[in-house]
Amino acid sequence: MQSQNPLIADFVKLANSAAGTLAGMTREARDSARERARETFGGMDFVTREEFDAVKAMARKAREDNDALADRIAALEARIGGG
């Protein structure tokens, strides 16, 4: 038969309880930190990379259209002034 020392058994139970408590505290701290980060960054207006690239492409297209219109106006003015 195996005999157990009650002091060691109590120590093992205490260690297991402490480990469980520590794991719970770690989870709670992590969740709390995530929530605080969401609250902090939630009010800020960040754009995603996809949104930034889409607006950048729109600006490039607008510049190209503007340049084309400027060339067209110059050609029309040349025709009017030369005629």
N, C-alpha and C. Protein backbone atom coordinates (compact mmCIF):
# COMPACT_ATOMS: atom_id res chain seq x y z
N MET A 1 0.83 -1.18 0.00
CA MET A 1 0.00 0.00 0.00
C MET A 1 0.87 1.24 0.00
N GLN A 2 0.31 2.22 -0.60
CA GLN A 2 1.03 3.47 -0.71
C GLN A 2 0.49 4.42 0.34
N SER A 3 1.40 4.96 1.12
CA SER A 3 0.94 5.91 2.14
C SER A 3 1.22 7.32 1.66
N GLN A 4 0.29 8.22 1.93
CA GLN A 4 0.45 9.62 1.51
C GLN A 4 0.67 10.47 2.75
N ASN A 5 1.57 11.35 2.61
CA ASN A 5 1.82 12.31 3.66
C ASN A 5 0.77 13.42 3.52
N PRO A 6 -0.03 13.69 4.55
CA PRO A 6 -1.08 14.71 4.44
C PRO A 6 -0.51 16.10 4.16
N LEU A 7 0.68 16.37 4.65
CA LEU A 7 1.30 17.67 4.42
C LEU A 7 1.62 17.85 2.93
N ILE A 8 2.14 16.80 2.32
CA ILE A 8 2.46 16.87 0.89
C ILE A 8 1.18 16.96 0.07
N ALA A 9 0.16 16.21 0.43
CA ALA A 9 -1.11 16.25 -0.28
C ALA A 9 -1.72 17.66 -0.20
N ASP A 10 -1.65 18.27 0.96
CA ASP A 10 -2.16 19.64 1.11
C ASP A 10 -1.36 20.62 0.27
N PHE A 11 -0.06 20.43 0.25
CA PHE A 11 0.80 21.31 -0.54
C PHE A 11 0.48 21.17 -2.03
N VAL A 12 0.26 19.95 -2.49
CA VAL A 12 -0.09 19.72 -3.90
C VAL A 12 -1.42 20.40 -4.23
N LYS A 13 -2.40 20.25 -3.34
CA LYS A 13 -3.69 20.91 -3.57
C LYS A 13 -3.53 22.42 -3.63
N LEU A 14 -2.72 22.96 -2.72
CA LEU A 14 -2.48 24.40 -2.69
C LEU A 14 -1.79 24.85 -3.99
N ALA A 15 -0.80 24.10 -4.44
CA ALA A 15 -0.10 24.44 -5.68
C ALA A 15 -1.04 24.40 -6.87
N ASN A 16 -1.89 23.38 -6.94
CA ASN A 16 -2.86 23.28 -8.03
C ASN A 16 -3.85 24.45 -8.00
N SER A 17 -4.30 24.80 -6.82
CA SER A 17 -5.22 25.93 -6.70
C SER A 17 -4.54 27.23 -7.12
N ALA A 18 -3.30 27.40 -6.71
CA ALA A 18 -2.56 28.62 -7.06
C ALA A 18 -2.35 28.69 -8.56
N ALA A 19 -2.05 27.56 -9.19
CA ALA A 19 -1.84 27.54 -10.63
C ALA A 19 -3.14 27.90 -11.36
N GLY A 20 -4.25 27.36 -10.91
CA GLY A 20 -5.55 27.68 -11.51
C GLY A 20 -5.91 29.14 -11.33
N THR A 21 -5.64 29.66 -10.14
CA THR A 21 -5.92 31.07 -9.87
C THR A 21 -5.05 31.96 -10.75
N LEU A 22 -3.78 31.63 -10.88
CA LEU A 22 -2.87 32.41 -11.70
C LEU A 22 -3.30 32.38 -13.17
N ALA A 23 -3.71 31.23 -13.65
CA ALA A 23 -4.18 31.12 -15.03
C ALA A 23 -5.42 31.99 -15.24
N GLY A 24 -6.33 31.96 -14.28
CA GLY A 24 -7.53 32.79 -14.37
C GLY A 24 -7.21 34.27 -14.35
N MET A 25 -6.29 34.65 -13.49
CA MET A 25 -5.88 36.06 -13.42
C MET A 25 -5.22 36.50 -14.73
N THR A 26 -4.43 35.61 -15.32
CA THR A 26 -3.77 35.93 -16.58
C THR A 26 -4.80 36.14 -17.68
N ARG A 27 -5.79 35.25 -17.76
CA ARG A 27 -6.85 35.41 -18.75
C ARG A 27 -7.62 36.71 -18.54
N GLU A 28 -7.94 36.99 -17.30
CA GLU A 28 -8.69 38.20 -16.99
C GLU A 28 -7.90 39.45 -17.34
N ALA A 29 -6.60 39.47 -17.04
CA ALA A 29 -5.75 40.61 -17.36
C ALA A 29 -5.65 40.80 -18.87
N ARG A 30 -5.49 39.70 -19.60
CA ARG A 30 -5.38 39.78 -21.06
C ARG A 30 -6.67 40.32 -21.66
N ASP A 31 -7.82 39.80 -21.19
CA ASP A 31 -9.10 40.27 -21.71
C ASP A 31 -9.34 41.74 -21.38
N SER A 32 -8.95 42.13 -20.19
CA SER A 32 -9.10 43.52 -19.78
C SER A 32 -8.22 44.43 -20.64
N ALA A 33 -7.00 44.02 -20.90
CA ALA A 33 -6.10 44.82 -21.73
C ALA A 33 -6.65 44.94 -23.15
N ARG A 34 -7.19 43.86 -23.69
CA ARG A 34 -7.78 43.91 -25.03
C ARG A 34 -8.95 44.87 -25.07
N GLU A 35 -9.79 44.83 -24.04
CA GLU A 35 -10.96 45.71 -24.00
C GLU A 35 -10.52 47.17 -23.91
N ARG A 36 -9.51 47.45 -23.08
CA ARG A 36 -9.02 48.83 -22.99
C ARG A 36 -8.43 49.29 -24.32
N ALA A 37 -7.74 48.41 -25.01
CA ALA A 37 -7.17 48.77 -26.32
C ALA A 37 -8.28 49.05 -27.32
N ARG A 38 -9.34 48.23 -27.31
CA ARG A 38 -10.47 48.48 -28.20
C ARG A 38 -11.11 49.83 -27.92
N GLU A 39 -11.27 50.14 -26.64
CA GLU A 39 -11.86 51.43 -26.27
C GLU A 39 -10.98 52.58 -26.70
N THR A 40 -9.68 52.42 -26.51
CA THR A 40 -8.74 53.50 -26.86
C THR A 40 -8.68 53.71 -28.36
N PHE A 41 -8.49 52.63 -29.11
CA PHE A 41 -8.32 52.76 -30.55
C PHE A 41 -9.64 52.81 -31.30
N GLY A 42 -10.72 52.45 -30.64
CA GLY A 42 -12.02 52.45 -31.31
C GLY A 42 -12.48 53.83 -31.72
N GLY A 43 -12.10 54.84 -30.97
CA GLY A 43 -12.51 56.20 -31.29
C GLY A 43 -11.64 56.87 -32.33
N MET A 44 -10.54 56.26 -32.68
CA MET A 44 -9.65 56.83 -33.67
C MET A 44 -10.06 56.39 -35.07
N ASP A 45 -9.86 57.28 -36.02
CA ASP A 45 -10.23 56.99 -37.40
C ASP A 45 -9.02 56.45 -38.16
N PHE A 46 -8.83 55.16 -38.11
CA PHE A 46 -7.78 54.51 -38.87
C PHE A 46 -8.38 53.97 -40.15
N VAL A 47 -7.59 53.97 -41.20
CA VAL A 47 -8.04 53.38 -42.45
C VAL A 47 -7.26 52.10 -42.69
N THR A 48 -7.89 51.19 -43.39
CA THR A 48 -7.20 49.96 -43.74
C THR A 48 -6.29 50.22 -44.94
N ARG A 49 -5.38 49.32 -45.16
CA ARG A 49 -4.48 49.45 -46.32
C ARG A 49 -5.28 49.44 -47.62
N GLU A 50 -6.33 48.62 -47.66
CA GLU A 50 -7.15 48.54 -48.87
C GLU A 50 -7.85 49.87 -49.14
N GLU A 51 -8.37 50.51 -48.09
CA GLU A 51 -9.03 51.80 -48.25
C GLU A 51 -8.03 52.85 -48.73
N PHE A 52 -6.84 52.84 -48.15
CA PHE A 52 -5.80 53.80 -48.54
C PHE A 52 -5.43 53.62 -50.01
N ASP A 53 -5.23 52.36 -50.42
CA ASP A 53 -4.87 52.09 -51.81
C ASP A 53 -5.99 52.50 -52.77
N ALA A 54 -7.24 52.31 -52.37
CA ALA A 54 -8.37 52.69 -53.22
C ALA A 54 -8.42 54.21 -53.40
N VAL A 55 -8.22 54.96 -52.34
CA VAL A 55 -8.23 56.42 -52.44
C VAL A 55 -7.03 56.92 -53.24
N LYS A 56 -5.90 56.26 -53.08
CA LYS A 56 -4.70 56.62 -53.84
C LYS A 56 -4.94 56.42 -55.34
N ALA A 57 -5.60 55.30 -55.70
CA ALA A 57 -5.91 55.04 -57.11
C ALA A 57 -6.91 56.07 -57.64
N MET A 58 -7.88 56.45 -56.82
CA MET A 58 -8.85 57.46 -57.24
C MET A 58 -8.16 58.79 -57.49
N ALA A 59 -7.22 59.17 -56.63
CA ALA A 59 -6.50 60.43 -56.79
C ALA A 59 -5.65 60.40 -58.06
N ARG A 60 -5.00 59.27 -58.34
CA ARG A 60 -4.20 59.14 -59.56
C ARG A 60 -5.08 59.31 -60.79
N LYS A 61 -6.25 58.66 -60.78
CA LYS A 61 -7.19 58.76 -61.90
C LYS A 61 -7.68 60.19 -62.07
N ALA A 62 -7.97 60.87 -60.96
CA ALA A 62 -8.43 62.26 -61.03
C ALA A 62 -7.35 63.16 -61.62
N ARG A 63 -6.08 62.93 -61.24
CA ARG A 63 -4.99 63.73 -61.82
C ARG A 63 -4.86 63.48 -63.32
N GLU A 64 -4.98 62.22 -63.74
CA GLU A 64 -4.90 61.89 -65.16
C GLU A 64 -6.04 62.56 -65.93
N ASP A 65 -7.26 62.50 -65.37
CA ASP A 65 -8.41 63.14 -66.01
C ASP A 65 -8.22 64.65 -66.09
N ASN A 66 -7.68 65.24 -65.04
CA ASN A 66 -7.43 66.68 -65.01
C ASN A 66 -6.41 67.07 -66.08
N ASP A 67 -5.34 66.28 -66.20
CA ASP A 67 -4.33 66.57 -67.22
C ASP A 67 -4.93 66.46 -68.63
N ALA A 68 -5.78 65.44 -68.85
CA ALA A 68 -6.42 65.26 -70.16
C ALA A 68 -7.34 66.43 -70.48
N LEU A 69 -8.08 66.88 -69.49
CA LEU A 69 -8.97 68.03 -69.70
C LEU A 69 -8.18 69.30 -69.97
N ALA A 70 -7.08 69.48 -69.27
CA ALA A 70 -6.24 70.66 -69.49
C ALA A 70 -5.69 70.65 -70.92
N ASP A 71 -5.27 69.49 -71.41
CA ASP A 71 -4.78 69.38 -72.79
C ASP A 71 -5.90 69.68 -73.78
N ARG A 72 -7.09 69.18 -73.48
CA ARG A 72 -8.24 69.41 -74.38
C ARG A 72 -8.61 70.90 -74.43
N ILE A 73 -8.59 71.54 -73.27
CA ILE A 73 -8.90 72.99 -73.22
C ILE A 73 -7.86 73.77 -74.01
N ALA A 74 -6.59 73.40 -73.84
CA ALA A 74 -5.52 74.09 -74.57
C ALA A 74 -5.71 73.93 -76.08
N ALA A 75 -6.11 72.73 -76.52
CA ALA A 75 -6.32 72.50 -77.94
C ALA A 75 -7.51 73.32 -78.45
N LEU A 76 -8.58 73.38 -77.68
CA LEU A 76 -9.75 74.17 -78.09
C LEU A 76 -9.42 75.66 -78.14
N GLU A 77 -8.68 76.13 -77.15
CA GLU A 77 -8.29 77.55 -77.16
C GLU A 77 -7.39 77.85 -78.36
N ALA A 78 -6.53 76.92 -78.73
CA ALA A 78 -5.66 77.13 -79.88
C ALA A 78 -6.48 77.20 -81.17
N ARG A 79 -7.52 76.37 -81.26
CA ARG A 79 -8.37 76.38 -82.44
C ARG A 79 -9.15 77.68 -82.53
N ILE A 80 -9.65 78.13 -81.39
CA ILE A 80 -10.43 79.37 -81.39
C ILE A 80 -9.53 80.57 -81.70
N GLY A 81 -8.39 80.60 -81.07
CA GLY A 81 -7.47 81.72 -81.28
C GLY A 81 -6.83 81.70 -82.63
N GLY A 82 -6.66 80.54 -83.23
CA GLY A 82 -5.99 80.42 -84.52
C GLY A 82 -6.96 80.56 -85.68
N GLY A 83 -8.29 80.49 -85.45
CA GLY A 83 -9.28 80.48 -86.53
C GLY A 83 -9.72 81.76 -86.96
